[in-house]
Each structure stands twice: as structure tokens, then as C-alpha cells.
């Protein structure tokens, strides 16, 4: 994709380093640290107020983050807003049952399907 957005990457991102990867986390210090370690673009931001245009993100990953966001429905709404129609979002969470109640907002825009995988 033209851009891969790693939401809540902290200092241990999921997305591979590249010039088209954007790492995003609420912690400015985490983004500063990560920017000295790997290639990419780094943005300190709140998941409930993403600084991207509507429909501008072709692919995103949000791994083990939503269970730490108090306003998780708002965060899902923001992910939906910035995801381009037919875009792909990969979400992992330790709290699948809580998340699945909010997931339909994303599934309307994404080509992804909701799958529960237990490791």
C-alpha cells in the first residue's frame, strides 16, 4: 500500500520499517525513541483524534491497543473515518468479546472480516 499506519505502536511496532510506514502513538517520547531506531514516519497523537484526512489510509494495524483506550468506540470511529473504502485494518486485542460489539463500524468500510484466533 501507499501507506501503512501502525496505530499505538509504542516502542515495539508491528509494521515493518519503510518510507511508507507511519508509526503513531499517544506517547511523544515513544515516538522520539522509535524514530532513532528505525525508518518511517512518526506521529504522537490520540487514537480518538487521528490527524489524517477522511478515507486517506489504505491499510492499518492496531495490535493490543484498543483494550487500553478508555474511549474505544470513538477510536474505532476514527479508524473507520480515516480508512479508505475497501481498505484493510488488522486489529488484535486481548478483549475480543468487548471489541466485537464495536467492530461492525469498521467492517462496513474494510475488506477485512472479523475472525477470532486464540494463541
Protein backbone atom coordinates (compact mmCIF):
# COMPACT_ATOMS: atom_id res chain seq x y z
CA UNK A 1 0.00 0.00 0.00
CA UNK A 2 0.93 3.67 -0.35
CA UNK A 3 0.83 3.97 3.43
CA UNK A 4 0.69 1.53 6.31
CA UNK A 5 -0.42 3.06 9.61
CA UNK A 6 0.70 1.33 12.82
CA UNK A 7 -1.68 2.64 15.50
CA UNK A 8 -0.43 2.51 19.08
CA UNK A 9 2.95 1.22 18.00
CA UNK A 10 4.79 2.40 21.11
CA UNK A 11 8.42 1.27 21.02
CA UNK A 12 7.60 -2.20 19.67
CA UNK A 13 5.80 -1.71 16.35
CA UNK A 14 4.15 -4.42 14.30
CA UNK A 15 4.54 -2.82 10.85
CA UNK A 16 7.87 -3.24 9.08
CA UNK A 17 10.11 -0.17 8.78
CA UNK A 18 9.78 1.63 5.44
CA UNK A 19 9.36 5.07 3.95
CA UNK A 20 5.62 4.37 3.60
CA UNK A 21 5.04 3.26 7.20
CA UNK A 22 3.58 5.73 9.70
CA UNK A 23 4.00 4.84 13.36
CA UNK A 24 1.54 6.51 15.71
CA UNK A 25 1.31 6.51 19.48
CA UNK A 26 -0.01 8.77 22.23
CA UNK A 27 3.50 8.94 23.74
CA UNK A 28 5.78 11.58 22.21
CA UNK A 29 8.77 10.02 23.98
CA UNK A 30 8.00 6.60 22.46
CA UNK A 31 7.82 8.18 19.01
CA UNK A 32 11.10 10.02 19.62
CA UNK A 33 12.81 6.81 20.73
CA UNK A 34 11.43 4.78 17.82
CA UNK A 35 12.44 7.43 15.28
CA UNK A 36 16.06 6.92 16.32
CA UNK A 37 15.79 3.15 15.87
CA UNK A 38 14.03 2.52 12.53
CA UNK A 39 12.95 4.13 9.26
CA UNK A 40 9.45 5.53 8.85
CA UNK A 41 7.30 8.48 9.82
CA UNK A 42 6.41 9.10 13.47
CA UNK A 43 3.36 10.87 14.87
CA UNK A 44 2.42 11.43 18.51
CA UNK A 45 -1.37 11.51 18.59
CA UNK A 46 -4.53 10.42 20.34
CA UNK A 47 -6.33 7.46 18.76
CA UNK A 48 -9.65 9.26 19.21
CA UNK A 49 -8.46 12.22 17.10
CA UNK A 50 -6.42 10.91 14.17
CA UNK A 51 -4.65 13.64 12.16
CA UNK A 52 -5.44 12.10 8.76
CA UNK A 53 -7.97 13.03 6.07
CA UNK A 54 -11.16 11.01 5.80
CA UNK A 55 -10.65 7.97 3.59
CA UNK A 56 -6.90 8.53 3.22
CA UNK A 57 -5.42 5.42 4.85
CA UNK A 58 -5.26 2.27 2.70
CA UNK A 59 -4.03 -0.09 5.43
CA UNK A 60 -3.58 0.00 9.19
CA UNK A 61 -2.68 -2.25 12.08
CA UNK A 62 -3.78 -1.78 15.68
CA UNK A 63 -2.31 -4.53 17.84
CA UNK A 64 -3.12 -4.94 21.53
CA UNK A 65 -4.07 -1.27 21.86
CA UNK A 66 -7.85 -0.88 22.00
CA UNK A 67 -8.15 -2.54 25.40
CA UNK A 68 -6.06 0.33 26.78
CA UNK A 69 -8.18 3.09 25.22
CA UNK A 70 -10.94 4.30 27.52
CA UNK A 71 -12.94 5.72 24.60
CA UNK A 72 -12.53 2.66 22.38
CA UNK A 73 -15.74 3.25 20.40
CA UNK A 74 -14.55 6.74 19.50
CA UNK A 75 -11.20 5.27 18.49
CA UNK A 76 -12.91 2.72 16.25
CA UNK A 77 -14.97 5.53 14.73
CA UNK A 78 -11.79 7.45 13.94
CA UNK A 79 -10.15 4.39 12.39
CA UNK A 80 -13.28 3.94 10.27
CA UNK A 81 -13.18 7.60 9.25
CA UNK A 82 -9.58 7.57 8.02
CA UNK A 83 -9.65 4.12 6.40
CA UNK A 84 -10.21 4.36 2.67
CA UNK A 85 -13.21 2.44 1.27
CA UNK A 86 -12.05 -1.15 0.73
CA UNK A 87 -9.01 -0.53 2.95
CA UNK A 88 -7.63 -3.12 5.32
CA UNK A 89 -7.36 -2.94 9.09
CA UNK A 90 -5.77 -5.64 11.23
CA UNK A 91 -6.79 -5.47 14.88
CA UNK A 92 -5.65 -7.74 17.67
CA UNK A 93 -6.99 -7.47 21.18
CA UNK A 94 -6.94 -9.47 24.37
CA UNK A 95 -10.57 -8.44 24.97
CA UNK A 96 -12.27 -9.87 21.87
CA UNK A 97 -15.77 -10.11 23.37
CA UNK A 98 -15.85 -6.40 24.24
CA UNK A 99 -14.35 -5.38 20.91
CA UNK A 100 -16.71 -7.44 18.76
CA UNK A 101 -19.65 -5.29 19.91
CA UNK A 102 -17.98 -2.25 18.31
CA UNK A 103 -16.45 -3.94 15.27
CA UNK A 104 -19.35 -3.54 12.79
CA UNK A 105 -18.49 0.15 12.39
CA UNK A 106 -15.17 -0.90 10.82
CA UNK A 107 -16.41 -3.89 8.87
CA UNK A 108 -18.66 -1.68 6.77
CA UNK A 109 -15.62 0.07 5.29
CA UNK A 110 -12.93 -2.60 5.44
CA UNK A 111 -12.34 -5.62 3.23
CA UNK A 112 -11.33 -7.47 6.39
CA UNK A 113 -13.53 -9.95 8.13
CA UNK A 114 -13.88 -10.47 11.83
CA UNK A 115 -12.01 -13.58 12.90
CA UNK A 116 -11.32 -14.82 16.39
CA UNK A 117 -7.97 -16.52 16.74
CA UNK A 118 -6.71 -17.89 20.00
CA UNK A 119 -3.00 -18.33 20.51
